[in-house]
Amino acid sequence: MFRELDVPVVDAGFGVMRRVQFGFSVPFYHASEPGGPVARGLGDLYVNAKVQLRDPAAHENGVGFAVTPVLEVLST
């Protein structure tokens, strides 16, 4: 049975401006198969930004809207 475990080694986010947040995640993987080799290391880097377009606190219904583009940088 093939087994794989992916966990974030580093996962952080922080506010750049009032309506803009920046974040990134670097996962660690550990993959193995009984009797086979074990592969482990750092995975792909994920960089994201969240931009708030509509503030939920400024509207009666409390509904906001944001976009979150994600950039994936492939590991070697």
Protein backbone atom coordinates (compact mmCIF):
# COMPACT_ATOMS: atom_id res chain seq x y z
CA MET A 1 0.00 0.00 0.00
CA PHE A 2 1.46 3.35 -1.05
CA ARG A 3 1.47 5.98 1.71
CA GLU A 4 2.02 9.71 1.46
CA LEU A 5 1.97 12.43 4.09
CA ASP A 6 1.97 16.14 3.29
CA VAL A 7 2.21 18.72 6.06
CA PRO A 8 3.08 22.40 5.97
CA VAL A 9 6.56 23.09 7.30
CA VAL A 10 6.06 26.83 7.01
CA ASP A 11 2.67 28.42 6.58
CA ALA A 12 2.29 32.14 7.21
CA GLY A 13 0.15 35.08 6.31
CA PHE A 14 0.27 38.75 7.17
CA GLY A 15 -1.49 41.99 6.34
CA VAL A 16 0.26 44.34 3.96
CA MET A 17 -2.43 47.02 3.90
CA ARG A 18 -5.93 47.29 5.36
CA ARG A 19 -7.54 45.30 2.53
CA VAL A 20 -4.57 43.24 1.32
CA GLN A 21 -3.07 40.10 2.87
CA PHE A 22 -0.08 38.08 1.70
CA GLY A 23 0.66 34.46 2.52
CA PHE A 24 2.76 31.47 1.61
CA SER A 25 3.00 27.78 2.35
CA VAL A 26 5.90 25.35 1.96
CA PRO A 27 4.83 21.72 2.44
CA PHE A 28 6.97 18.76 3.45
CA TYR A 29 6.19 15.38 1.89
CA HIS A 30 7.03 11.84 2.96
CA ALA A 31 6.06 9.07 0.52
CA SER A 32 6.76 5.37 0.84
CA GLU A 33 5.78 1.96 -0.45
CA PRO A 34 6.40 -1.26 1.48
CA GLY A 35 9.77 -2.65 0.40
CA GLY A 36 10.43 0.37 -1.79
CA PRO A 37 12.42 3.56 -1.43
CA VAL A 38 11.26 6.44 0.73
CA ALA A 39 10.95 9.87 -0.85
CA ARG A 40 10.84 12.99 1.29
CA GLY A 41 11.57 16.65 0.97
CA LEU A 42 10.12 20.09 0.48
CA GLY A 43 7.23 20.36 -1.96
CA ASP A 44 6.03 23.18 -4.16
CA LEU A 45 5.92 26.73 -2.79
CA TYR A 46 2.46 28.34 -2.77
CA VAL A 47 2.27 32.14 -2.66
CA ASN A 48 -1.08 33.89 -2.30
CA ALA A 49 -2.59 37.31 -1.85
CA LYS A 50 -6.10 38.19 -0.72
CA VAL A 51 -7.58 41.50 -1.82
CA GLN A 52 -10.83 42.59 -0.19
CA LEU A 53 -13.14 44.20 -2.74
CA ARG A 54 -16.23 44.66 -0.55
CA ASP A 55 -16.10 45.18 3.22
CA PRO A 56 -18.84 43.11 4.95
CA ALA A 57 -18.97 45.55 7.88
CA ALA A 58 -19.98 48.37 5.53
CA HIS A 59 -23.12 46.62 4.25
CA GLU A 60 -26.38 45.72 5.98
CA ASN A 61 -26.36 42.07 4.93
CA GLY A 62 -22.79 41.55 6.22
CA VAL A 63 -21.61 39.99 2.97
CA GLY A 64 -18.12 40.81 1.71
CA PHE A 65 -16.18 39.83 -1.37
CA ALA A 66 -12.47 39.16 -1.95
CA VAL A 67 -10.26 37.62 -4.62
CA THR A 68 -7.35 35.31 -3.82
CA PRO A 69 -4.89 34.55 -6.62
CA VAL A 70 -2.41 31.73 -5.91
CA LEU A 71 0.99 31.23 -7.53
CA GLU A 72 2.55 27.77 -7.40
CA VAL A 73 6.34 27.55 -7.73
CA LEU A 74 7.32 23.98 -8.62
CA SER A 75 10.08 22.34 -6.65
CA THR A 76 12.96 20.67 -8.43
